[in-house]
């Protein structure tokens, strides 16, 4: 059975879509069977995988409304090496349409049960808001991968996310847990980022992935070519870091069957104190 992970953070602009598509491509490069699900109506993860969202006949919208199965709606991202359950603007209307439906929070979970044996990993790119779309992703997942920048406000956003995960764990999905924090867009030349990174490791221990994704212009350029950075420029530092992250994830994760038992509720998180320096010294 597939290990199902949401890539989520309630703070916007932290690299959730960049992480999802590059991790999917990295996992495919190391021999894993991957399905990437775009749960954001903007469809950025779909376009970033080389799939034109405007030409999709069936999307995750149809899966949520049960007018199509995952097997019918998925498409192959040939250059990237993984399957995509895409999204487009239609998905924005799904929340209104699902309000009156039965099992509205668990429709994606039900749909994925039919294809779980076909994949090693299923990655879900969630929108930044806590919506029915995000809830469907969280209810389907074994855990959450949290991409975050090493900045103080990102730590405050982490507190909000943990509270959300605790609520979903208590009421909708006993399997849900935080898999780990991924430090992304990291610039070692900035003293504050070094400090926050060190405090994350000290505060959260093994919940922080060893791999660090550097700030890299090639990762930022890749979406304009409709490709993950891992495929667009495999030699770039950011691309190599995502492949290393994929390898780390494969090594650390137990089999999906071992993750199916009820996970402990996430512990409350308070941001560690960050010693702010005189700006002139940074």
C-alpha atoms as a PDB file:
ATOM      1  CA  UNK A   1       0.000   0.000   0.000  1.00  0.00           C
ATOM      2  CA  UNK A   2       1.072   3.543  -0.701  1.00  0.00           C
ATOM      3  CA  UNK A   3       2.358   5.916   1.964  1.00  0.00           C
ATOM      4  CA  UNK A   4       0.145   8.997   1.654  1.00  0.00           C
ATOM      5  CA  UNK A   5       1.579  12.367   2.661  1.00  0.00           C
ATOM      6  CA  UNK A   6       0.152  15.876   2.543  1.00  0.00           C
ATOM      7  CA  UNK A   7       2.538  18.729   1.883  1.00  0.00           C
ATOM      8  CA  UNK A   8       0.923  21.454   3.958  1.00  0.00           C
ATOM      9  CA  UNK A   9       1.562  24.732   5.712  1.00  0.00           C
ATOM     10  CA  UNK A  10      -1.081  27.334   6.569  1.00  0.00           C
ATOM     11  CA  UNK A  11       1.430  30.076   5.821  1.00  0.00           C
ATOM     12  CA  UNK A  12       1.466  31.028   2.139  1.00  0.00           C
ATOM     13  CA  UNK A  13       4.539  31.343  -0.046  1.00  0.00           C
ATOM     14  CA  UNK A  14       6.674  28.761   1.769  1.00  0.00           C
ATOM     15  CA  UNK A  15       7.269  26.463  -1.197  1.00  0.00           C
ATOM     16  CA  UNK A  16       4.552  23.812  -0.782  1.00  0.00           C
ATOM     17  CA  UNK A  17       4.033  23.294  -4.523  1.00  0.00           C
ATOM     18  CA  UNK A  18       7.760  23.459  -5.256  1.00  0.00           C
ATOM     19  CA  UNK A  19       8.305  20.811  -2.594  1.00  0.00           C
ATOM     20  CA  UNK A  20       5.499  18.566  -3.848  1.00  0.00           C
ATOM     21  CA  UNK A  21       6.506  18.438  -7.517  1.00  0.00           C
ATOM     22  CA  UNK A  22      10.240  18.166  -6.848  1.00  0.00           C
ATOM     23  CA  UNK A  23       9.785  15.508  -4.178  1.00  0.00           C
ATOM     24  CA  UNK A  24       7.537  13.557  -6.564  1.00  0.00           C
ATOM     25  CA  UNK A  25      10.180  13.788  -9.307  1.00  0.00           C
ATOM     26  CA  UNK A  26      12.932  12.913  -6.828  1.00  0.00           C
ATOM     27  CA  UNK A  27      11.050   9.842  -5.606  1.00  0.00           C
ATOM     28  CA  UNK A  28      10.466   8.755  -9.208  1.00  0.00           C
ATOM     29  CA  UNK A  29      14.201   9.143  -9.887  1.00  0.00           C
ATOM     30  CA  UNK A  30      15.055   6.772  -7.032  1.00  0.00           C
ATOM     31  CA  UNK A  31      12.682   4.131  -8.345  1.00  0.00           C
ATOM     32  CA  UNK A  32       9.453   4.810  -6.471  1.00  0.00           C
ATOM     33  CA  UNK A  33       5.957   4.672  -7.996  1.00  0.00           C
ATOM     34  CA  UNK A  34       4.382   8.063  -7.315  1.00  0.00           C
ATOM     35  CA  UNK A  35       0.978   9.722  -7.652  1.00  0.00           C
ATOM     36  CA  UNK A  36       0.893  13.500  -7.169  1.00  0.00           C
ATOM     37  CA  UNK A  37      -2.505  15.027  -6.321  1.00  0.00           C
ATOM     38  CA  UNK A  38      -3.140  18.736  -6.845  1.00  0.00           C
ATOM     39  CA  UNK A  39      -5.762  19.949  -4.348  1.00  0.00           C
ATOM     40  CA  UNK A  40      -5.296  23.657  -5.136  1.00  0.00           C
ATOM     41  CA  UNK A  41      -7.736  25.272  -7.628  1.00  0.00           C
ATOM     42  CA  UNK A  42      -4.839  27.338  -8.991  1.00  0.00           C
ATOM     43  CA  UNK A  43      -3.489  24.123 -10.515  1.00  0.00           C
ATOM     44  CA  UNK A  44       0.150  25.149 -10.096  1.00  0.00           C
ATOM     45  CA  UNK A  45       1.351  21.654  -9.238  1.00  0.00           C
ATOM     46  CA  UNK A  46      -0.445  20.343 -12.329  1.00  0.00           C
ATOM     47  CA  UNK A  47       1.183  22.917 -14.625  1.00  0.00           C
ATOM     48  CA  UNK A  48       4.529  22.440 -12.872  1.00  0.00           C
ATOM     49  CA  UNK A  49       4.388  18.747 -13.784  1.00  0.00           C
ATOM     50  CA  UNK A  50       4.067  19.483 -17.489  1.00  0.00           C
ATOM     51  CA  UNK A  51       0.280  18.936 -17.629  1.00  0.00           C
ATOM     52  CA  UNK A  52      -1.885  21.659 -19.186  1.00  0.00           C
ATOM     53  CA  UNK A  53      -4.720  22.101 -16.684  1.00  0.00           C
ATOM     54  CA  UNK A  54      -6.913  23.702 -19.368  1.00  0.00           C
ATOM     55  CA  UNK A  55      -6.918  20.522 -21.444  1.00  0.00           C
ATOM     56  CA  UNK A  56      -7.827  18.096 -18.652  1.00  0.00           C
ATOM     57  CA  UNK A  57     -11.135  16.336 -19.289  1.00  0.00           C
ATOM     58  CA  UNK A  58     -11.353  14.908 -15.764  1.00  0.00           C
ATOM     59  CA  UNK A  59      -9.684  16.212 -12.615  1.00  0.00           C
ATOM     60  CA  UNK A  60      -9.672  15.772  -8.852  1.00  0.00           C
ATOM     61  CA  UNK A  61     -12.935  17.762  -8.918  1.00  0.00           C
ATOM     62  CA  UNK A  62     -14.661  14.842 -10.656  1.00  0.00           C
ATOM     63  CA  UNK A  63     -13.115  12.399  -8.179  1.00  0.00           C
ATOM     64  CA  UNK A  64     -14.414  14.374  -5.187  1.00  0.00           C
ATOM     65  CA  UNK A  65     -17.911  14.499  -6.674  1.00  0.00           C
ATOM     66  CA  UNK A  66     -17.629  10.773  -7.491  1.00  0.00           C
ATOM     67  CA  UNK A  67     -18.315  11.234 -11.198  1.00  0.00           C
ATOM     68  CA  UNK A  68     -14.919   9.677 -12.029  1.00  0.00           C
ATOM     69  CA  UNK A  69     -12.440   7.340 -10.338  1.00  0.00           C
ATOM     70  CA  UNK A  70      -8.783   8.142  -9.686  1.00  0.00           C
ATOM     71  CA  UNK A  71      -7.826   5.630 -12.383  1.00  0.00           C
ATOM     72  CA  UNK A  72     -10.004   7.481 -14.898  1.00  0.00           C
ATOM     73  CA  UNK A  73      -8.871  10.991 -13.933  1.00  0.00           C
ATOM     74  CA  UNK A  74      -5.114  10.553 -13.497  1.00  0.00           C
ATOM     75  CA  UNK A  75      -2.687  11.344 -16.294  1.00  0.00           C
ATOM     76  CA  UNK A  76       0.953  10.447 -16.794  1.00  0.00           C
ATOM     77  CA  UNK A  77       3.583  13.173 -16.552  1.00  0.00           C
ATOM     78  CA  UNK A  78       5.932  11.427 -18.966  1.00  0.00           C
ATOM     79  CA  UNK A  79       8.937  13.728 -18.565  1.00  0.00           C
ATOM     80  CA  UNK A  80       8.627  13.666 -14.782  1.00  0.00           C
ATOM     81  CA  UNK A  81       8.086   9.944 -14.247  1.00  0.00           C
ATOM     82  CA  UNK A  82       4.991  10.100 -12.052  1.00  0.00           C
ATOM     83  CA  UNK A  83       1.191  10.161 -12.337  1.00  0.00           C
ATOM     84  CA  UNK A  84      -0.829  13.328 -11.743  1.00  0.00           C
ATOM     85  CA  UNK A  85      -4.367  13.776 -10.484  1.00  0.00           C
ATOM     86  CA  UNK A  86      -4.691  17.337 -11.708  1.00  0.00           C
ATOM     87  CA  UNK A  87      -6.743  20.381 -10.769  1.00  0.00           C
ATOM     88  CA  UNK A  88      -8.049  23.484 -12.473  1.00  0.00           C
ATOM     89  CA  UNK A  89     -10.470  26.311 -11.688  1.00  0.00           C
ATOM     90  CA  UNK A  90     -13.411  23.900 -11.507  1.00  0.00           C
ATOM     91  CA  UNK A  91     -12.066  22.741  -8.153  1.00  0.00           C
ATOM     92  CA  UNK A  92     -12.914  26.101  -6.577  1.00  0.00           C
ATOM     93  CA  UNK A  93     -16.607  25.213  -6.880  1.00  0.00           C
ATOM     94  CA  UNK A  94     -16.183  21.795  -5.296  1.00  0.00           C
ATOM     95  CA  UNK A  95     -16.297  23.140  -1.741  1.00  0.00           C
ATOM     96  CA  UNK A  96     -19.722  24.706  -2.250  1.00  0.00           C
ATOM     97  CA  UNK A  97     -21.039  21.584  -3.955  1.00  0.00           C
ATOM     98  CA  UNK A  98     -19.689  19.238  -1.261  1.00  0.00           C
ATOM     99  CA  UNK A  99     -21.190  21.088   1.713  1.00  0.00           C
ATOM    100  CA  UNK A 100     -24.478  19.170   1.518  1.00  0.00           C
ATOM    101  CA  UNK A 101     -22.939  15.803   0.579  1.00  0.00           C
ATOM    102  CA  UNK A 102     -22.353  12.783   2.789  1.00  0.00           C
ATOM    103  CA  UNK A 103     -18.749  11.951   3.801  1.00  0.00           C
ATOM    104  CA  UNK A 104     -17.649  15.316   2.468  1.00  0.00           C
ATOM    105  CA  UNK A 105     -14.305  15.265   4.346  1.00  0.00           C
ATOM    106  CA  UNK A 106     -13.430  11.670   3.355  1.00  0.00           C
ATOM    107  CA  UNK A 107     -14.244  11.506  -0.350  1.00  0.00           C
ATOM    108  CA  UNK A 108     -10.618  11.602  -1.462  1.00  0.00           C
ATOM    109  CA  UNK A 109      -9.725   8.936   1.089  1.00  0.00           C
ATOM    110  CA  UNK A 110     -12.411   6.632  -0.283  1.00  0.00           C
ATOM    111  CA  UNK A 111     -11.270   7.213  -3.860  1.00  0.00           C
ATOM    112  CA  UNK A 112      -7.593   6.537  -3.085  1.00  0.00           C
ATOM    113  CA  UNK A 113      -8.369   3.159  -1.496  1.00  0.00           C
ATOM    114  CA  UNK A 114      -8.923   1.755  -4.999  1.00  0.00           C
ATOM    115  CA  UNK A 115      -5.415   2.645  -6.257  1.00  0.00           C
ATOM    116  CA  UNK A 116      -3.300   2.493  -3.094  1.00  0.00           C
ATOM    117  CA  UNK A 117      -1.647  -0.772  -4.106  1.00  0.00           C
ATOM    118  CA  UNK A 118      -0.411   0.736  -7.388  1.00  0.00           C
ATOM    119  CA  UNK A 119       1.914   3.295  -5.762  1.00  0.00           C
ATOM    120  CA  UNK A 120       4.705   3.539  -3.209  1.00  0.00           C
ATOM    121  CA  UNK A 121       4.002   7.198  -2.409  1.00  0.00           C
ATOM    122  CA  UNK A 122       1.008   9.485  -2.890  1.00  0.00           C
ATOM    123  CA  UNK A 123       1.762  13.191  -2.382  1.00  0.00           C
ATOM    124  CA  UNK A 124      -1.023  15.732  -1.915  1.00  0.00           C
ATOM    125  CA  UNK A 125      -0.374  19.431  -2.560  1.00  0.00           C
ATOM    126  CA  UNK A 126      -2.757  21.308  -0.238  1.00  0.00           C
ATOM    127  CA  UNK A 127      -3.920  24.932  -0.511  1.00  0.00           C
ATOM    128  CA  UNK A 128      -2.783  27.239   2.319  1.00  0.00           C
ATOM    129  CA  UNK A 129      -6.289  27.725   3.740  1.00  0.00           C
ATOM    130  CA  UNK A 130      -8.065  25.277   6.028  1.00  0.00           C
ATOM    131  CA  UNK A 131     -10.885  24.314   3.679  1.00  0.00           C
ATOM    132  CA  UNK A 132     -12.824  21.215   2.682  1.00  0.00           C
ATOM    133  CA  UNK A 133     -10.120  20.581   0.097  1.00  0.00           C
ATOM    134  CA  UNK A 134      -7.384  20.659   2.726  1.00  0.00           C
ATOM    135  CA  UNK A 135      -9.504  18.519   5.058  1.00  0.00           C
ATOM    136  CA  UNK A 136      -9.927  15.900   2.331  1.00  0.00           C
ATOM    137  CA  UNK A 137      -6.154  15.787   1.979  1.00  0.00           C
ATOM    138  CA  UNK A 138      -5.533  15.536   5.731  1.00  0.00           C
ATOM    139  CA  UNK A 139      -8.202  12.859   6.155  1.00  0.00           C
ATOM    140  CA  UNK A 140      -6.560  10.768   3.432  1.00  0.00           C
ATOM    141  CA  UNK A 141      -2.988  10.984   4.689  1.00  0.00           C
ATOM    142  CA  UNK A 142      -0.758   9.011   6.998  1.00  0.00           C
ATOM    143  CA  UNK A 143       1.168  12.160   7.753  1.00  0.00           C
ATOM    144  CA  UNK A 144       2.114  15.732   6.916  1.00  0.00           C
ATOM    145  CA  UNK A 145       5.387  17.021   5.498  1.00  0.00           C
ATOM    146  CA  UNK A 146       5.802  20.664   6.482  1.00  0.00           C
ATOM    147  CA  UNK A 147       8.029  22.836   4.266  1.00  0.00           C
ATOM    148  CA  UNK A 148       9.125  25.950   6.091  1.00  0.00           C
ATOM    149  CA  UNK A 149      11.570  28.791   5.800  1.00  0.00           C
ATOM    150  CA  UNK A 150      13.948  29.451   8.652  1.00  0.00           C
ATOM    151  CA  UNK A 151      12.263  32.671   9.725  1.00  0.00           C
ATOM    152  CA  UNK A 152      10.454  33.610  12.918  1.00  0.00           C
ATOM    153  CA  UNK A 153       6.996  34.102  11.380  1.00  0.00           C
ATOM    154  CA  UNK A 154       7.258  30.628   9.849  1.00  0.00           C
ATOM    155  CA  UNK A 155       7.580  29.260  13.387  1.00  0.00           C
ATOM    156  CA  UNK A 156       4.370  31.010  14.395  1.00  0.00           C
ATOM    157  CA  UNK A 157       2.618  29.500  11.366  1.00  0.00           C
ATOM    158  CA  UNK A 158       3.825  26.072  12.465  1.00  0.00           C
ATOM    159  CA  UNK A 159       1.945  26.453  15.736  1.00  0.00           C
ATOM    160  CA  UNK A 160      -1.305  27.068  13.842  1.00  0.00           C
ATOM    161  CA  UNK A 161      -0.708  24.049  11.615  1.00  0.00           C
ATOM    162  CA  UNK A 162      -0.091  21.726  14.558  1.00  0.00           C
ATOM    163  CA  UNK A 163      -3.358  22.841  16.146  1.00  0.00           C
ATOM    164  CA  UNK A 164      -5.177  22.039  12.897  1.00  0.00           C
ATOM    165  CA  UNK A 165      -3.538  18.600  12.697  1.00  0.00           C
ATOM    166  CA  UNK A 166      -4.513  17.909  16.317  1.00  0.00           C
ATOM    167  CA  UNK A 167      -8.153  18.673  15.522  1.00  0.00           C
ATOM    168  CA  UNK A 168      -8.172  16.438  12.444  1.00  0.00           C
ATOM    169  CA  UNK A 169      -6.396  13.685  14.390  1.00  0.00           C
ATOM    170  CA  UNK A 170      -8.964  13.842  17.184  1.00  0.00           C
ATOM    171  CA  UNK A 171     -12.079  13.950  15.020  1.00  0.00           C
ATOM    172  CA  UNK A 172     -11.421  12.596  11.530  1.00  0.00           C
ATOM    173  CA  UNK A 173      -8.150  10.686  11.043  1.00  0.00           C
ATOM    174  CA  UNK A 174      -6.425   8.856  13.903  1.00  0.00           C
ATOM    175  CA  UNK A 175      -3.515   7.931  11.597  1.00  0.00           C
ATOM    176  CA  UNK A 176      -2.476  11.522  10.971  1.00  0.00           C
ATOM    177  CA  UNK A 177       0.879  12.669  12.327  1.00  0.00           C
ATOM    178  CA  UNK A 178       3.623  15.130  11.485  1.00  0.00           C
ATOM    179  CA  UNK A 179       6.222  13.254   9.433  1.00  0.00           C
ATOM    180  CA  UNK A 180       8.781  16.021   9.550  1.00  0.00           C
ATOM    181  CA  UNK A 181       9.795  19.627   8.939  1.00  0.00           C
ATOM    182  CA  UNK A 182      11.691  20.414   5.745  1.00  0.00           C
ATOM    183  CA  UNK A 183      13.906  23.489   5.785  1.00  0.00           C
ATOM    184  CA  UNK A 184      13.480  25.112   2.377  1.00  0.00           C
ATOM    185  CA  UNK A 185      14.817  28.222   0.586  1.00  0.00           C
ATOM    186  CA  UNK A 186      17.708  28.170   3.052  1.00  0.00           C
ATOM    187  CA  UNK A 187      20.492  30.721   2.677  1.00  0.00           C
ATOM    188  CA  UNK A 188      23.444  29.949   4.995  1.00  0.00           C
ATOM    189  CA  UNK A 189      24.800  33.480   4.524  1.00  0.00           C
ATOM    190  CA  UNK A 190      21.945  34.890   6.606  1.00  0.00           C
ATOM    191  CA  UNK A 191      22.777  34.646  10.296  1.00  0.00           C
ATOM    192  CA  UNK A 192      19.148  34.598  11.435  1.00  0.00           C
ATOM    193  CA  UNK A 193      18.378  31.634   9.193  1.00  0.00           C
ATOM    194  CA  UNK A 194      21.303  29.731  10.676  1.00  0.00           C
ATOM    195  CA  UNK A 195      20.026  30.511  14.176  1.00  0.00           C
ATOM    196  CA  UNK A 196      16.461  29.409  13.428  1.00  0.00           C
ATOM    197  CA  UNK A 197      17.707  26.233  11.720  1.00  0.00           C
ATOM    198  CA  UNK A 198      19.802  25.312  14.757  1.00  0.00           C
ATOM    199  CA  UNK A 199      16.928  26.011  17.133  1.00  0.00           C
ATOM    200  CA  UNK A 200      14.555  23.911  15.014  1.00  0.00           C
ATOM    201  CA  UNK A 201      16.934  20.964  15.337  1.00  0.00           C
ATOM    202  CA  UNK A 202      17.331  21.531  19.076  1.00  0.00           C
ATOM    203  CA  UNK A 203      13.594  22.033  19.680  1.00  0.00           C
ATOM    204  CA  UNK A 204      12.063  19.385  17.404  1.00  0.00           C
ATOM    205  CA  UNK A 205      14.865  16.821  17.157  1.00  0.00           C
ATOM    206  CA  UNK A 206      14.228  13.988  14.710  1.00  0.00           C
ATOM    207  CA  UNK A 207      11.087  15.707  13.409  1.00  0.00           C
ATOM    208  CA  UNK A 208      13.423  17.904  11.343  1.00  0.00           C
ATOM    209  CA  UNK A 209      14.673  16.262   8.164  1.00  0.00           C
ATOM    210  CA  UNK A 210      18.458  16.181   7.772  1.00  0.00           C
ATOM    211  CA  UNK A 211      18.222  17.404   4.171  1.00  0.00           C
ATOM    212  CA  UNK A 212      18.138  21.173   3.681  1.00  0.00           C
ATOM    213  CA  UNK A 213      16.866  22.684   0.421  1.00  0.00           C
ATOM    214  CA  UNK A 214      18.982  25.728  -0.518  1.00  0.00           C
ATOM    215  CA  UNK A 215      17.636  28.883  -2.104  1.00  0.00           C
ATOM    216  CA  UNK A 216      18.226  28.183  -5.786  1.00  0.00           C
ATOM    217  CA  UNK A 217      17.302  30.199  -8.877  1.00  0.00           C
ATOM    218  CA  UNK A 218      16.969  27.087 -11.065  1.00  0.00           C
ATOM    219  CA  UNK A 219      14.144  25.790  -8.864  1.00  0.00           C
ATOM    220  CA  UNK A 220      12.389  29.142  -9.299  1.00  0.00           C
ATOM    221  CA  UNK A 221      12.857  29.099 -13.087  1.00  0.00           C
ATOM    222  CA  UNK A 222      11.642  25.532 -13.622  1.00  0.00           C
ATOM    223  CA  UNK A 223       7.850  26.156 -13.369  1.00  0.00           C
ATOM    224  CA  UNK A 224       7.964  28.547 -16.326  1.00  0.00           C
ATOM    225  CA  UNK A 225       9.114  25.565 -18.396  1.00  0.00           C
ATOM    226  CA  UNK A 226       6.384  23.328 -16.957  1.00  0.00           C
ATOM    227  CA  UNK A 227       8.841  21.040 -15.169  1.00  0.00           C
ATOM    228  CA  UNK A 228      10.077  20.328 -11.641  1.00  0.00           C
ATOM    229  CA  UNK A 229      13.583  21.617 -11.021  1.00  0.00           C
ATOM    230  CA  UNK A 230      14.765  18.008 -10.570  1.00  0.00           C
ATOM    231  CA  UNK A 231      13.943  17.396 -14.256  1.00  0.00           C
ATOM    232  CA  UNK A 232      14.633  20.903 -15.618  1.00  0.00           C
ATOM    233  CA  UNK A 233      18.215  21.062 -14.294  1.00  0.00           C
ATOM    234  CA  UNK A 234      19.287  17.868 -12.503  1.00  0.00           C
ATOM    235  CA  UNK A 235      22.733  19.323 -11.788  1.00  0.00           C
ATOM    236  CA  UNK A 236      21.439  22.349  -9.848  1.00  0.00           C
ATOM    237  CA  UNK A 237      22.085  22.380  -6.097  1.00  0.00           C
ATOM    238  CA  UNK A 238      18.379  22.614  -5.330  1.00  0.00           C
ATOM    239  CA  UNK A 239      17.555  19.663  -7.589  1.00  0.00           C
ATOM    240  CA  UNK A 240      20.247  17.503  -6.038  1.00  0.00           C
ATOM    241  CA  UNK A 241      18.958  18.430  -2.588  1.00  0.00           C
ATOM    242  CA  UNK A 242      15.427  17.264  -3.480  1.00  0.00           C
ATOM    243  CA  UNK A 243      16.757  13.917  -4.740  1.00  0.00           C
ATOM    244  CA  UNK A 244      18.669  13.571  -1.469  1.00  0.00           C
ATOM    245  CA  UNK A 245      15.462  14.395   0.405  1.00  0.00           C
ATOM    246  CA  UNK A 246      13.611  11.707  -1.558  1.00  0.00           C
ATOM    247  CA  UNK A 247      16.272   9.177  -0.597  1.00  0.00           C
ATOM    248  CA  UNK A 248      16.072  10.239   3.050  1.00  0.00           C
ATOM    249  CA  UNK A 249      12.285   9.887   3.039  1.00  0.00           C
ATOM    250  CA  UNK A 250      12.441   6.393   1.524  1.00  0.00           C
ATOM    251  CA  UNK A 251      15.005   5.291   4.115  1.00  0.00           C
ATOM    252  CA  UNK A 252      13.187   6.742   7.118  1.00  0.00           C
ATOM    253  CA  UNK A 253       9.615   5.722   6.370  1.00  0.00           C
ATOM    254  CA  UNK A 254       8.252   2.425   7.673  1.00  0.00           C
ATOM    255  CA  UNK A 255       5.949   0.349   5.428  1.00  0.00           C
ATOM    256  CA  UNK A 256       2.483   1.821   4.938  1.00  0.00           C
ATOM    257  CA  UNK A 257       0.975  -1.095   6.874  1.00  0.00           C
ATOM    258  CA  UNK A 258       3.014  -0.073   9.923  1.00  0.00           C
ATOM    259  CA  UNK A 259       1.722   3.498   9.644  1.00  0.00           C
ATOM    260  CA  UNK A 260      -1.924   2.416   9.540  1.00  0.00           C
ATOM    261  CA  UNK A 261      -2.288   2.137  13.313  1.00  0.00           C
ATOM    262  CA  UNK A 262      -3.547   5.082  15.318  1.00  0.00           C
ATOM    263  CA  UNK A 263      -0.786   7.659  15.659  1.00  0.00           C
ATOM    264  CA  UNK A 264      -0.293   9.638  18.873  1.00  0.00           C
ATOM    265  CA  UNK A 265      -1.754  13.113  18.836  1.00  0.00           C
ATOM    266  CA  UNK A 266       0.790  15.784  17.868  1.00  0.00           C
ATOM    267  CA  UNK A 267       2.204  17.565  20.892  1.00  0.00           C
ATOM    268  CA  UNK A 268       1.537  21.301  21.217  1.00  0.00           C
ATOM    269  CA  UNK A 269       4.274  23.380  19.621  1.00  0.00           C
ATOM    270  CA  UNK A 270       5.445  26.730  20.826  1.00  0.00           C
ATOM    271  CA  UNK A 271       7.984  28.575  18.686  1.00  0.00           C
ATOM    272  CA  UNK A 272      11.448  28.443  20.234  1.00  0.00           C
ATOM    273  CA  UNK A 273      12.799  31.824  21.247  1.00  0.00           C
ATOM    274  CA  UNK A 274      14.973  33.397  18.571  1.00  0.00           C
ATOM    275  CA  UNK A 275      17.678  35.737  19.775  1.00  0.00           C
ATOM    276  CA  UNK A 276      17.252  38.742  17.496  1.00  0.00           C
ATOM    277  CA  UNK A 277      20.485  40.521  16.681  1.00  0.00           C
ATOM    278  CA  UNK A 278      21.237  44.096  15.828  1.00  0.00           C
ATOM    279  CA  UNK A 279      20.318  44.324  12.104  1.00  0.00           C
ATOM    280  CA  UNK A 280      23.713  45.813  11.331  1.00  0.00           C
ATOM    281  CA  UNK A 281      25.380  42.581  12.438  1.00  0.00           C
ATOM    282  CA  UNK A 282      23.312  40.292  10.145  1.00  0.00           C
END
